Amino acid sequence: MPAFFSRRFFVVLLLAGLTGALSGCAGKAGVYQDQSMDFGSVKTIAVLPLANLTKEAQAPDRVRDVLSTALMASSGIYILPPGEVMRGIISTGIANPSSPTADEIVKFCKSTKADAVLTGSVREYGELRSGTAVANVISMSMQFAEGQTGKVVWSADTTQGGIGIADRLFGGGGQPMNVITEKAVNDVIHKLFQ
């Protein structure tokens, strides 16, 4: 094998390794957590409808469904069913369920007997193109507000997927959207319970 090919092969492997290391850091966004909050006292959470900042109309509902299921599976916390959440939103008159005021959160939690609410937004969801490379991406932010005061006691965001150097060099379509969504949700949950 000529020296040119062995050097080129080494550079490609080095770039692929660097891409893997950097993409592992991509989901490690900042986290705010109120140190005075006792998260162990939370037994019931309501996941409110998420804001949609994407072109995909169903993105918030898909992410909310995956988030609710993952929270039920990974913790001993009861997640209010979507019907109960919607009934609570209607009965308390929350004007914008994706970003309620502190007073609306308090009223909602009294009405539904929830200890806290999760709100948030989906910023990116779907296919991302750059030149000839295509991959799926999701970006979302979540806030956790406790029910007695309506105060936000935790906030985090995550971005998963996207086009890396390996995708640009070798092509490829990245991972399926459901896999990327599960990774983003698991990253957010990990940040909530760390």
Protein backbone atom coordinates (compact mmCIF):
# COMPACT_ATOMS: atom_id res chain seq x y z
CA MET A 1 0.00 0.00 0.00
CA PRO A 2 1.48 3.39 -0.95
CA ALA A 3 2.39 5.80 1.85
CA PHE A 4 -0.20 8.31 0.55
CA PHE A 5 -3.05 5.85 1.20
CA SER A 6 -1.80 4.88 4.65
CA ARG A 7 -1.54 8.54 5.69
CA ARG A 8 -4.97 9.28 4.25
CA PHE A 9 -6.41 6.25 6.04
CA PHE A 10 -4.79 7.42 9.30
CA VAL A 11 -6.23 10.95 8.88
CA VAL A 12 -9.72 9.56 8.19
CA LEU A 13 -9.53 7.34 11.29
CA LEU A 14 -8.29 10.24 13.38
CA LEU A 15 -11.12 12.49 12.16
CA ALA A 16 -13.71 9.76 12.75
CA GLY A 17 -12.41 9.25 16.31
CA LEU A 18 -12.42 12.97 16.97
CA THR A 19 -15.95 13.21 15.59
CA GLY A 20 -17.09 10.42 17.89
CA ALA A 21 -15.52 12.10 20.90
CA LEU A 22 -17.03 15.48 20.06
CA SER A 23 -20.47 14.08 19.25
CA GLY A 24 -20.46 12.40 22.65
CA CYS A 25 -20.16 15.87 24.15
CA ALA A 26 -22.89 17.37 21.97
CA GLY A 27 -25.71 16.35 24.32
CA LYS A 28 -23.99 17.75 27.44
CA ALA A 29 -25.66 21.14 27.55
CA GLY A 30 -26.01 23.33 30.62
CA VAL A 31 -28.28 22.38 33.48
CA TYR A 32 -29.87 24.64 36.10
CA GLN A 33 -30.93 22.98 39.36
CA ASP A 34 -32.22 24.68 42.50
CA GLN A 35 -30.17 23.10 45.30
CA SER A 36 -32.89 23.75 47.88
CA MET A 37 -35.45 21.60 46.02
CA ASP A 38 -36.10 18.10 47.41
CA PHE A 39 -36.69 16.14 44.21
CA GLY A 40 -37.26 12.98 46.25
CA SER A 41 -40.55 14.39 47.53
CA VAL A 42 -42.04 14.52 44.01
CA LYS A 43 -44.40 11.59 43.48
CA THR A 44 -46.68 12.86 40.66
CA ILE A 45 -45.64 14.84 37.58
CA ALA A 46 -47.74 16.33 34.82
CA VAL A 47 -46.06 16.65 31.44
CA LEU A 48 -47.72 19.65 29.82
CA PRO A 49 -47.96 20.09 26.03
CA LEU A 50 -44.63 21.20 24.57
CA ALA A 51 -44.09 24.30 22.46
CA ASN A 52 -43.36 23.63 18.81
CA LEU A 53 -40.58 25.70 17.23
CA THR A 54 -40.19 23.30 14.29
CA LYS A 55 -41.87 22.81 10.92
CA GLU A 56 -43.05 19.34 11.97
CA ALA A 57 -46.57 19.70 13.40
CA GLN A 58 -46.53 16.41 15.33
CA ALA A 59 -43.04 16.84 16.88
CA PRO A 60 -44.16 18.03 20.35
CA ASP A 61 -46.74 15.24 20.72
CA ARG A 62 -44.20 12.59 19.69
CA VAL A 63 -41.56 13.92 22.09
CA ARG A 64 -44.09 14.28 24.93
CA ASP A 65 -45.24 10.68 24.46
CA VAL A 66 -41.67 9.33 24.52
CA LEU A 67 -40.85 11.54 27.53
CA SER A 68 -43.88 10.39 29.54
CA THR A 69 -43.18 6.73 28.80
CA ALA A 70 -39.48 7.03 29.64
CA LEU A 71 -40.24 8.82 32.94
CA MET A 72 -42.68 6.10 33.97
CA ALA A 73 -40.18 3.38 33.04
CA SER A 74 -37.13 4.93 34.71
CA SER A 75 -38.50 6.15 38.02
CA GLY A 76 -41.09 5.47 40.67
CA ILE A 77 -42.92 8.65 39.74
CA TYR A 78 -46.53 8.66 38.60
CA ILE A 79 -47.05 10.54 35.35
CA LEU A 80 -50.53 12.00 34.91
CA PRO A 81 -52.26 10.61 31.80
CA PRO A 82 -52.70 13.11 28.95
CA GLY A 83 -56.48 13.20 29.44
CA GLU A 84 -56.12 14.25 33.08
CA VAL A 85 -53.55 16.86 32.09
CA MET A 86 -55.89 18.30 29.44
CA ARG A 87 -58.82 18.33 31.88
CA GLY A 88 -56.65 20.21 34.40
CA ILE A 89 -55.56 22.72 31.74
CA ILE A 90 -59.17 23.39 30.77
CA SER A 91 -60.52 23.56 34.34
CA THR A 92 -57.83 25.97 35.51
CA GLY A 93 -57.97 28.07 32.34
CA ILE A 94 -54.29 27.97 31.40
CA ALA A 95 -53.97 30.30 28.43
CA ASN A 96 -50.72 28.87 27.02
CA PRO A 97 -50.11 25.30 28.31
CA SER A 98 -46.58 25.14 26.88
CA SER A 99 -45.45 28.09 29.04
CA PRO A 100 -47.79 28.59 32.00
CA THR A 101 -47.31 31.31 34.60
CA ALA A 102 -46.34 30.43 38.18
CA ASP A 103 -49.92 31.12 39.36
CA GLU A 104 -51.34 28.85 36.64
CA ILE A 105 -48.94 26.07 37.68
CA VAL A 106 -50.05 26.36 41.32
CA LYS A 107 -53.75 26.23 40.35
CA PHE A 108 -53.13 23.35 37.96
CA CYS A 109 -51.23 21.30 40.56
CA LYS A 110 -53.96 21.87 43.18
CA SER A 111 -56.60 20.80 40.67
CA THR A 112 -54.80 17.65 39.48
CA LYS A 113 -52.95 16.77 42.71
CA ALA A 114 -49.64 16.90 40.83
CA ASP A 115 -46.47 17.71 42.76
CA ALA A 116 -44.74 19.27 39.75
CA VAL A 117 -45.04 19.97 36.05
CA LEU A 118 -42.65 19.52 33.15
CA THR A 119 -42.85 22.10 30.38
CA GLY A 120 -40.60 22.71 27.43
CA SER A 121 -40.12 23.22 23.75
CA VAL A 122 -38.96 21.26 20.74
CA ARG A 123 -36.57 23.52 18.82
CA GLU A 124 -35.49 21.17 16.01
CA TYR A 125 -36.98 17.91 14.87
CA GLY A 126 -36.41 16.01 11.66
CA GLU A 127 -34.07 15.88 8.73
CA LEU A 128 -31.01 18.10 8.54
CA ARG A 129 -29.17 18.59 5.22
CA SER A 130 -25.71 19.90 4.55
CA GLY A 131 -24.41 19.47 1.03
CA THR A 132 -24.98 15.83 0.15
CA ALA A 133 -25.10 14.66 3.76
CA VAL A 134 -28.46 14.08 5.47
CA ALA A 135 -29.16 13.10 9.08
CA ASN A 136 -31.90 13.39 11.69
CA VAL A 137 -31.61 15.87 14.55
CA ILE A 138 -33.61 16.83 17.62
CA SER A 139 -33.08 19.76 19.93
CA MET A 140 -35.26 20.43 22.96
CA SER A 141 -35.33 22.26 26.26
CA MET A 142 -37.26 21.27 29.38
CA GLN A 143 -38.20 23.01 32.64
CA PHE A 144 -39.40 21.44 35.88
CA ALA A 145 -41.62 23.60 38.09
CA GLU A 146 -42.72 22.55 41.57
CA GLY A 147 -46.42 22.74 42.33
CA GLN A 148 -46.59 24.72 45.58
CA THR A 149 -45.00 27.94 44.28
CA GLY A 150 -44.85 27.39 40.51
CA LYS A 151 -41.13 28.14 40.63
CA VAL A 152 -38.84 26.58 38.00
CA VAL A 153 -36.39 24.44 39.98
CA TRP A 154 -34.67 22.64 37.11
CA SER A 155 -33.96 23.41 33.48
CA ALA A 156 -31.91 21.64 30.83
CA ASP A 157 -31.59 21.25 27.10
CA THR A 158 -30.22 18.67 24.75
CA THR A 159 -29.39 18.19 21.10
CA GLN A 160 -28.94 14.76 19.58
CA GLY A 161 -28.18 13.57 16.08
CA GLY A 162 -27.04 15.86 13.32
CA ILE A 163 -24.35 15.64 10.68
CA GLY A 164 -20.83 14.81 11.77
CA ILE A 165 -17.54 14.71 9.95
CA ALA A 166 -17.93 10.98 9.26
CA ASP A 167 -21.31 11.66 7.61
CA ARG A 168 -19.70 14.34 5.44
CA LEU A 169 -16.77 12.11 4.47
CA PHE A 170 -18.57 8.81 3.96
CA GLY A 171 -22.18 9.85 3.45
CA GLY A 172 -24.94 8.10 5.33
CA GLY A 173 -28.24 9.13 6.76
CA GLY A 174 -27.60 9.08 10.48
CA GLN A 175 -29.89 7.29 12.90
CA PRO A 176 -33.69 6.95 12.66
CA MET A 177 -35.77 9.73 14.23
CA ASN A 178 -37.21 7.50 16.95
CA VAL A 179 -33.70 6.50 18.10
CA ILE A 180 -32.58 10.15 18.18
CA THR A 181 -35.74 11.12 20.12
CA GLU A 182 -35.16 8.38 22.71
CA LYS A 183 -31.53 9.50 23.12
CA ALA A 184 -32.59 13.12 23.66
CA VAL A 185 -35.28 12.13 26.18
CA ASN A 186 -32.89 9.83 28.06
CA ASP A 187 -30.32 12.64 28.19
CA VAL A 188 -32.89 15.03 29.67
CA ILE A 189 -34.05 12.44 32.23
CA HIS A 190 -30.44 11.70 33.20
CA LYS A 191 -29.89 15.42 33.77
CA LEU A 192 -33.07 15.62 35.87
CA PHE A 193 -32.10 12.75 38.18
CA GLN A 194 -28.33 13.34 38.44
